[in-house]
């Protein structure tokens, strides 16, 4: 089976319509509350609460509402992996799942990997192995790599390639990405 960047369920059925951030406690004129829901999540260790349109993808909530632009919007169809994040420790394409489906979830984005001013071992490995060129896919590649390492799919370069195959690098840095994931796995 290919690199299961497991889809968390449904495809967002339309453009995201930003609701008001719950902490604002304001209701905008014309705001239809029948199409909103409150989502409580822990993002990178911080408890957050958002009122979102029920059609808002997890990707759009992270980028537009949580202010975390490191998770990239690539194809917005689940084909490129640029939007990969960890939800409850499992990697998913955040563009293919609705924010409301993750109420109560623990979400880790690229911004949440570094600790105490030190890069995550895989972030450092990407630098050391020159595993990026333009860098657009890098956050998704790293998040997928963290998932791959956590899942134990780093036994060989072929296994890493298979389990990372859901992440596209348009620049073609695949050899260095595989090397970085292998290096990161050894440091784990």
Protein backbone atom coordinates (compact mmCIF):
# COMPACT_ATOMS: atom_id res chain seq x y z
CA UNK A 1 0.00 0.00 0.00
CA UNK A 2 1.24 3.49 -0.83
CA UNK A 3 2.21 6.22 1.54
CA UNK A 4 -1.04 6.61 3.29
CA UNK A 5 -1.30 10.27 4.04
CA UNK A 6 -4.64 9.28 5.39
CA UNK A 7 -7.48 11.55 4.55
CA UNK A 8 -9.41 12.50 7.63
CA UNK A 9 -12.79 11.88 6.05
CA UNK A 10 -14.55 14.29 3.77
CA UNK A 11 -13.62 16.80 1.16
CA UNK A 12 -14.46 20.40 1.96
CA UNK A 13 -17.65 21.10 0.06
CA UNK A 14 -16.97 24.59 -1.08
CA UNK A 15 -14.84 27.58 -0.28
CA UNK A 16 -14.06 28.30 3.34
CA UNK A 17 -16.04 31.12 4.81
CA UNK A 18 -14.28 32.54 7.83
CA UNK A 19 -16.44 32.91 10.91
CA UNK A 20 -15.45 35.09 13.80
CA UNK A 21 -12.75 33.99 16.21
CA UNK A 22 -14.52 32.88 19.38
CA UNK A 23 -12.23 35.01 21.52
CA UNK A 24 -13.62 38.10 19.80
CA UNK A 25 -17.15 37.33 21.04
CA UNK A 26 -18.63 39.46 18.33
CA UNK A 27 -21.26 38.56 15.79
CA UNK A 28 -20.90 40.06 12.37
CA UNK A 29 -23.94 41.37 10.58
CA UNK A 30 -25.21 38.78 8.14
CA UNK A 31 -23.35 35.99 9.94
CA UNK A 32 -25.50 32.86 9.65
CA UNK A 33 -24.92 30.89 12.85
CA UNK A 34 -26.76 27.85 11.48
CA UNK A 35 -23.70 27.19 9.30
CA UNK A 36 -21.09 27.61 12.03
CA UNK A 37 -19.63 25.43 14.74
CA UNK A 38 -17.22 25.95 17.60
CA UNK A 39 -14.03 23.92 17.25
CA UNK A 40 -11.82 23.34 20.30
CA UNK A 41 -8.33 22.12 19.40
CA UNK A 42 -4.86 21.98 20.82
CA UNK A 43 -2.50 23.39 18.18
CA UNK A 44 1.21 23.02 18.85
CA UNK A 45 0.47 22.61 22.55
CA UNK A 46 -1.87 25.63 22.84
CA UNK A 47 -5.58 25.29 23.47
CA UNK A 48 -7.48 27.27 20.85
CA UNK A 49 -11.15 27.79 20.12
CA UNK A 50 -12.61 28.96 16.83
CA UNK A 51 -16.08 29.53 15.48
CA UNK A 52 -15.89 28.43 11.87
CA UNK A 53 -18.17 27.90 8.94
CA UNK A 54 -18.89 24.17 8.88
CA UNK A 55 -17.41 23.98 5.36
CA UNK A 56 -13.99 25.31 6.44
CA UNK A 57 -11.14 22.93 5.78
CA UNK A 58 -8.63 22.23 8.52
CA UNK A 59 -6.00 23.81 6.24
CA UNK A 60 -7.91 27.08 5.97
CA UNK A 61 -8.57 27.18 9.72
CA UNK A 62 -4.86 26.71 10.43
CA UNK A 63 -3.67 29.28 7.90
CA UNK A 64 -6.39 31.92 8.06
CA UNK A 65 -7.76 31.63 11.57
CA UNK A 66 -4.89 30.26 13.68
CA UNK A 67 -2.29 32.40 11.89
CA UNK A 68 -0.04 29.45 11.02
CA UNK A 69 1.00 29.92 7.38
CA UNK A 70 3.70 27.22 7.45
CA UNK A 71 1.15 24.64 6.35
CA UNK A 72 1.00 25.27 2.61
CA UNK A 73 -1.93 25.21 0.23
CA UNK A 74 -0.65 23.42 -2.83
CA UNK A 75 -3.19 21.62 -4.98
CA UNK A 76 -6.10 21.87 -2.48
CA UNK A 77 -7.11 18.38 -3.71
CA UNK A 78 -4.95 16.07 -1.56
CA UNK A 79 -2.55 15.21 -4.36
CA UNK A 80 0.63 17.07 -3.36
CA UNK A 81 1.03 16.77 0.43
CA UNK A 82 2.07 20.41 0.96
CA UNK A 83 -0.65 20.70 3.63
CA UNK A 84 0.42 17.70 5.70
CA UNK A 85 -0.01 18.11 9.46
CA UNK A 86 -0.19 15.67 12.36
CA UNK A 87 -3.59 15.18 13.99
CA UNK A 88 -3.45 13.12 17.15
CA UNK A 89 -0.02 11.96 15.98
CA UNK A 90 -1.24 10.80 12.57
CA UNK A 91 -0.32 12.59 9.35
CA UNK A 92 -3.15 13.86 7.21
CA UNK A 93 -3.71 16.16 4.26
CA UNK A 94 -5.36 19.10 5.98
CA UNK A 95 -6.97 20.32 2.75
CA UNK A 96 -9.16 17.21 2.56
CA UNK A 97 -10.70 17.33 5.99
CA UNK A 98 -13.11 19.72 7.63
CA UNK A 99 -12.06 21.63 10.73
CA UNK A 100 -15.26 20.58 12.54
CA UNK A 101 -14.21 16.94 12.24
CA UNK A 102 -11.27 17.58 14.57
CA UNK A 103 -12.96 19.10 17.59
CA UNK A 104 -10.85 18.08 20.60
CA UNK A 105 -7.88 17.02 18.47
CA UNK A 106 -4.21 17.64 19.08
CA UNK A 107 -2.73 19.19 15.95
CA UNK A 108 0.94 19.69 15.20
CA UNK A 109 2.06 21.96 12.38
CA UNK A 110 5.56 22.77 11.15
CA UNK A 111 5.58 25.75 13.53
CA UNK A 112 5.23 23.38 16.49
CA UNK A 113 8.19 21.08 15.85
CA UNK A 114 11.07 23.16 17.22
CA UNK A 115 11.56 23.02 20.99
CA UNK A 116 13.34 25.53 23.22
CA UNK A 117 14.88 27.31 20.24
CA UNK A 118 16.24 24.06 18.77
CA UNK A 119 15.08 22.65 15.48
CA UNK A 120 13.43 19.25 15.43
CA UNK A 121 16.00 16.60 14.34
CA UNK A 122 14.21 16.20 11.00
CA UNK A 123 14.21 19.96 10.37
CA UNK A 124 17.96 19.94 11.02
CA UNK A 125 18.39 16.90 8.76
CA UNK A 126 16.63 18.73 5.92
CA UNK A 127 19.20 21.51 6.25
CA UNK A 128 22.16 19.16 6.63
CA UNK A 129 21.11 16.96 3.68
CA UNK A 130 20.16 19.93 1.44
CA UNK A 131 16.68 18.39 1.12
CA UNK A 132 14.91 21.41 -0.30
CA UNK A 133 15.23 23.78 -3.20
CA UNK A 134 12.37 26.26 -3.53
CA UNK A 135 11.12 25.21 -0.09
CA UNK A 136 7.39 25.34 -0.80
CA UNK A 137 6.83 21.63 -0.18
CA UNK A 138 9.30 21.47 2.71
CA UNK A 139 6.86 21.93 5.62
CA UNK A 140 4.61 19.16 4.29
CA UNK A 141 7.61 16.96 3.52
CA UNK A 142 8.95 17.41 7.06
CA UNK A 143 5.57 16.77 8.69
CA UNK A 144 5.09 13.68 6.55
CA UNK A 145 8.63 12.59 7.42
CA UNK A 146 7.92 12.98 11.14
CA UNK A 147 4.86 10.79 10.63
CA UNK A 148 6.84 8.28 8.59
CA UNK A 149 9.46 8.03 11.33
CA UNK A 150 6.80 7.71 14.03
CA UNK A 151 5.08 4.95 12.06
CA UNK A 152 8.35 3.03 11.75
CA UNK A 153 8.53 3.17 7.94
CA UNK A 154 12.21 4.06 7.62
CA UNK A 155 13.85 0.64 7.27
CA UNK A 156 15.30 1.36 3.83
CA UNK A 157 15.42 4.11 1.21
CA UNK A 158 12.80 2.18 -0.79
CA UNK A 159 10.48 2.03 2.21
CA UNK A 160 10.94 5.75 2.88
CA UNK A 161 10.20 6.56 -0.78
CA UNK A 162 7.05 4.41 -0.65
CA UNK A 163 5.71 5.95 2.56
CA UNK A 164 6.61 9.50 1.49
CA UNK A 165 5.16 9.08 -2.01
CA UNK A 166 2.12 11.23 -1.21
CA UNK A 167 4.35 14.31 -0.98
CA UNK A 168 5.41 15.92 -4.23
CA UNK A 169 8.55 18.02 -4.66
CA UNK A 170 8.28 19.87 -7.96
CA UNK A 171 12.00 20.71 -7.75
CA UNK A 172 12.92 17.01 -7.62
CA UNK A 173 14.90 16.94 -4.35
CA UNK A 174 13.68 13.40 -3.63
CA UNK A 175 17.08 11.77 -3.10
CA UNK A 176 18.02 14.36 -0.50
CA UNK A 177 14.58 14.18 1.12
CA UNK A 178 14.95 10.40 1.54
CA UNK A 179 18.44 10.93 2.98
CA UNK A 180 17.07 13.54 5.41
CA UNK A 181 14.28 11.25 6.61
CA UNK A 182 16.79 8.42 7.12
CA UNK A 183 19.07 10.81 9.05
CA UNK A 184 16.12 12.06 11.10
CA UNK A 185 15.08 8.49 11.89
CA UNK A 186 18.58 7.71 13.21
CA UNK A 187 18.45 10.83 15.40
CA UNK A 188 15.00 9.88 16.70
